[in-house]
Amino acid sequence: MSSLPTSAEDVIGQPVRDQFEVFIDEHRSDLNACLDGLTEEQARRSLVPSRTTLLGLVKHATFVEKVWFDEAVTCRSRREIGLPATPDESFILHDDDTIAAVQQAHREACESSRRATASLGLDDLVHGNRRGPLPLRWVYLHVLRELAQHCGHADILREQLINE
């Protein structure tokens, strides 16, 4: 391949690993971009009873990256990585959680995830998850499902904010 695939259409007929990575990267990018063009207040605005905000979704996606591609791959604990203990806590926003800071942290976590899995095969096992050893293929599918779900949440929240 002369250039890296950038969309799902680019990987039709390509190895399944390439397909997984492109689909995951599309969702990573879409979720990160949900904050583009918003004010800090809009990004933090709570439109549902839960802690879910657009800024919180991207911050949570950073947590997801680190859980599945740092904790699960390296077997380091959440404490060692600097992560909250639970997914719900990953939505909590602090004063220093700005759009720029959260987007940058997410991009860095995604790049770290790519590096962590670069030498692994889809059938290789990761051992740092509470479920026990899991094949990378399953982890990719799980992360893709979670990112797709959160992209849907982000689409709805953004539509509500833009149409106010």
Protein backbone atom coordinates (compact mmCIF):
# COMPACT_ATOMS: atom_id res chain seq x y z
CA MET A 1 0.00 0.00 0.00
CA SER A 2 1.51 3.35 -1.00
CA SER A 3 -0.39 5.42 1.55
CA LEU A 4 -2.08 4.68 4.81
CA PRO A 5 -5.80 3.95 4.51
CA THR A 6 -7.92 6.75 5.92
CA SER A 7 -11.50 5.61 5.47
CA ALA A 8 -13.53 2.43 5.56
CA GLU A 9 -13.81 2.48 1.78
CA ASP A 10 -10.00 2.38 1.55
CA VAL A 11 -9.84 -1.01 3.29
CA ILE A 12 -12.48 -2.98 1.43
CA GLY A 13 -10.76 -6.26 0.63
CA GLN A 14 -7.77 -5.47 2.85
CA PRO A 15 -6.64 -7.64 5.78
CA VAL A 16 -9.04 -7.58 8.71
CA ARG A 17 -6.42 -5.91 10.94
CA ASP A 18 -6.35 -2.92 8.58
CA GLN A 19 -10.14 -2.83 8.59
CA PHE A 20 -10.32 -2.84 12.40
CA GLU A 21 -7.76 -0.09 12.73
CA VAL A 22 -9.37 2.18 10.14
CA PHE A 23 -12.85 1.77 11.60
CA ILE A 24 -11.55 2.45 15.12
CA ASP A 25 -9.55 5.47 13.92
CA GLU A 26 -12.61 6.91 12.15
CA HIS A 27 -14.59 6.71 15.38
CA ARG A 28 -11.69 8.13 17.42
CA SER A 29 -11.47 11.07 15.05
CA ASP A 30 -15.22 11.66 14.95
CA LEU A 31 -15.50 11.65 18.72
CA ASN A 32 -12.56 14.02 19.13
CA ALA A 33 -14.05 16.37 16.52
CA CYS A 34 -17.38 16.62 18.33
CA LEU A 35 -15.80 19.44 20.34
CA ASP A 36 -14.67 21.46 17.33
CA GLY A 37 -16.23 24.91 17.12
CA LEU A 38 -17.84 24.77 20.57
CA THR A 39 -17.31 27.15 23.44
CA GLU A 40 -15.95 25.81 26.71
CA GLU A 41 -19.39 26.34 28.23
CA GLN A 42 -21.12 24.38 25.47
CA ALA A 43 -18.63 21.51 25.76
CA ARG A 44 -19.31 21.26 29.51
CA ARG A 45 -23.07 21.76 29.36
CA SER A 46 -25.07 18.94 30.87
CA LEU A 47 -28.10 18.05 28.76
CA VAL A 48 -28.92 14.70 30.36
CA PRO A 49 -29.26 13.54 33.98
CA SER A 50 -25.98 11.59 33.91
CA ARG A 51 -22.46 13.08 33.93
CA THR A 52 -22.40 12.82 30.13
CA THR A 53 -21.27 16.01 28.41
CA LEU A 54 -19.42 16.38 25.13
CA LEU A 55 -16.20 17.23 26.94
CA GLY A 56 -16.80 14.34 29.33
CA LEU A 57 -17.34 11.92 26.43
CA VAL A 58 -13.94 12.72 24.92
CA LYS A 59 -12.31 12.56 28.35
CA HIS A 60 -13.98 9.15 28.88
CA ALA A 61 -12.75 7.99 25.46
CA THR A 62 -9.21 8.76 26.65
CA PHE A 63 -9.89 6.55 29.67
CA VAL A 64 -11.15 3.79 27.34
CA GLU A 65 -7.96 3.97 25.26
CA LYS A 66 -5.80 3.69 28.35
CA VAL A 67 -7.82 0.85 29.89
CA TRP A 68 -7.84 -1.28 26.76
CA PHE A 69 -4.46 -0.47 25.24
CA ASP A 70 -2.34 0.34 28.29
CA GLU A 71 -3.82 -1.52 31.27
CA ALA A 72 -4.89 -4.57 29.25
CA VAL A 73 -1.72 -4.74 27.13
CA THR A 74 0.97 -3.73 29.65
CA CYS A 75 -0.76 -5.12 32.77
CA ARG A 76 -0.08 -1.85 34.62
CA SER A 77 -2.75 -0.92 37.14
CA ARG A 78 -5.11 2.00 36.68
CA ARG A 79 -3.39 3.66 39.61
CA GLU A 80 0.02 3.34 37.90
CA ILE A 81 -1.43 4.79 34.69
CA GLY A 82 -3.16 7.61 36.58
CA LEU A 83 -6.71 6.55 35.75
CA PRO A 84 -9.83 6.76 37.86
CA ALA A 85 -10.98 3.44 39.30
CA THR A 86 -14.31 3.33 37.45
CA PRO A 87 -15.61 4.36 34.04
CA ASP A 88 -18.20 6.67 35.65
CA GLU A 89 -15.43 8.66 37.33
CA SER A 90 -13.77 9.24 33.95
CA PHE A 91 -16.59 11.64 33.00
CA ILE A 92 -15.84 14.00 35.91
CA LEU A 93 -14.54 17.33 34.63
CA HIS A 94 -11.93 19.43 36.43
CA ASP A 95 -11.05 23.09 35.93
CA ASP A 96 -8.04 22.22 33.75
CA ASP A 97 -10.17 20.07 31.43
CA THR A 98 -10.42 22.49 28.53
CA ILE A 99 -11.41 21.55 24.99
CA ALA A 100 -7.81 21.86 23.81
CA ALA A 101 -6.39 19.87 26.74
CA VAL A 102 -8.94 17.04 26.51
CA GLN A 103 -8.62 16.77 22.72
CA GLN A 104 -4.81 16.66 22.98
CA ALA A 105 -4.89 14.04 25.74
CA HIS A 106 -7.25 11.95 23.61
CA ARG A 107 -5.04 12.22 20.51
CA GLU A 108 -1.99 11.25 22.57
CA ALA A 109 -3.81 8.27 24.10
CA CYS A 110 -4.88 7.09 20.63
CA GLU A 111 -1.32 7.32 19.34
CA SER A 112 -0.08 5.43 22.39
CA SER A 113 -2.73 2.77 21.74
CA ARG A 114 -1.52 2.34 18.16
CA ARG A 115 2.06 1.92 19.37
CA ALA A 116 1.04 -0.56 22.08
CA THR A 117 -0.67 -2.86 19.59
CA ALA A 118 1.63 -2.43 16.59
CA SER A 119 3.59 -5.61 17.26
CA LEU A 120 0.58 -7.71 18.29
CA GLY A 121 -1.46 -10.01 16.11
CA LEU A 122 -5.24 -10.17 16.31
CA ASP A 123 -5.07 -13.55 18.02
CA ASP A 124 -2.42 -12.47 20.52
CA LEU A 125 -3.70 -12.36 24.09
CA VAL A 126 -3.63 -9.32 26.32
CA HIS A 127 -3.49 -10.19 30.00
CA GLY A 128 -4.23 -7.03 31.97
CA ASN A 129 -8.03 -7.09 31.98
CA ARG A 130 -10.17 -8.29 34.88
CA ARG A 131 -11.89 -10.76 32.52
CA GLY A 132 -8.61 -12.59 32.10
CA PRO A 133 -6.64 -13.11 28.89
CA LEU A 134 -8.41 -11.71 25.82
CA PRO A 135 -7.46 -11.82 22.16
CA LEU A 136 -6.64 -8.44 20.63
CA ARG A 137 -9.41 -9.11 18.08
CA TRP A 138 -12.00 -9.08 20.90
CA VAL A 139 -10.49 -5.91 22.39
CA TYR A 140 -10.70 -4.16 19.00
CA LEU A 141 -14.35 -5.17 18.63
CA HIS A 142 -15.15 -4.05 22.17
CA VAL A 143 -13.46 -0.66 21.69
CA LEU A 144 -15.15 -0.20 18.31
CA ARG A 145 -18.54 -0.89 19.91
CA GLU A 146 -17.87 1.55 22.73
CA LEU A 147 -16.61 4.28 20.42
CA ALA A 148 -19.59 3.86 18.10
CA GLN A 149 -21.97 4.16 21.04
CA HIS A 150 -20.26 7.31 22.30
CA CYS A 151 -20.16 8.84 18.83
CA GLY A 152 -23.94 8.43 18.74
CA HIS A 153 -24.23 10.12 22.12
CA ALA A 154 -22.01 12.94 20.90
CA ASP A 155 -24.07 13.43 17.73
CA ILE A 156 -27.25 13.86 19.75
CA LEU A 157 -25.70 16.16 22.36
CA ARG A 158 -24.03 18.31 19.72
CA GLU A 159 -27.28 18.59 17.76
CA GLN A 160 -29.05 19.75 20.93
CA LEU A 161 -26.37 22.37 21.59
CA ILE A 162 -26.20 23.68 18.03
CA ASN A 163 -29.98 23.93 17.68
CA GLU A 164 -30.57 25.83 20.94
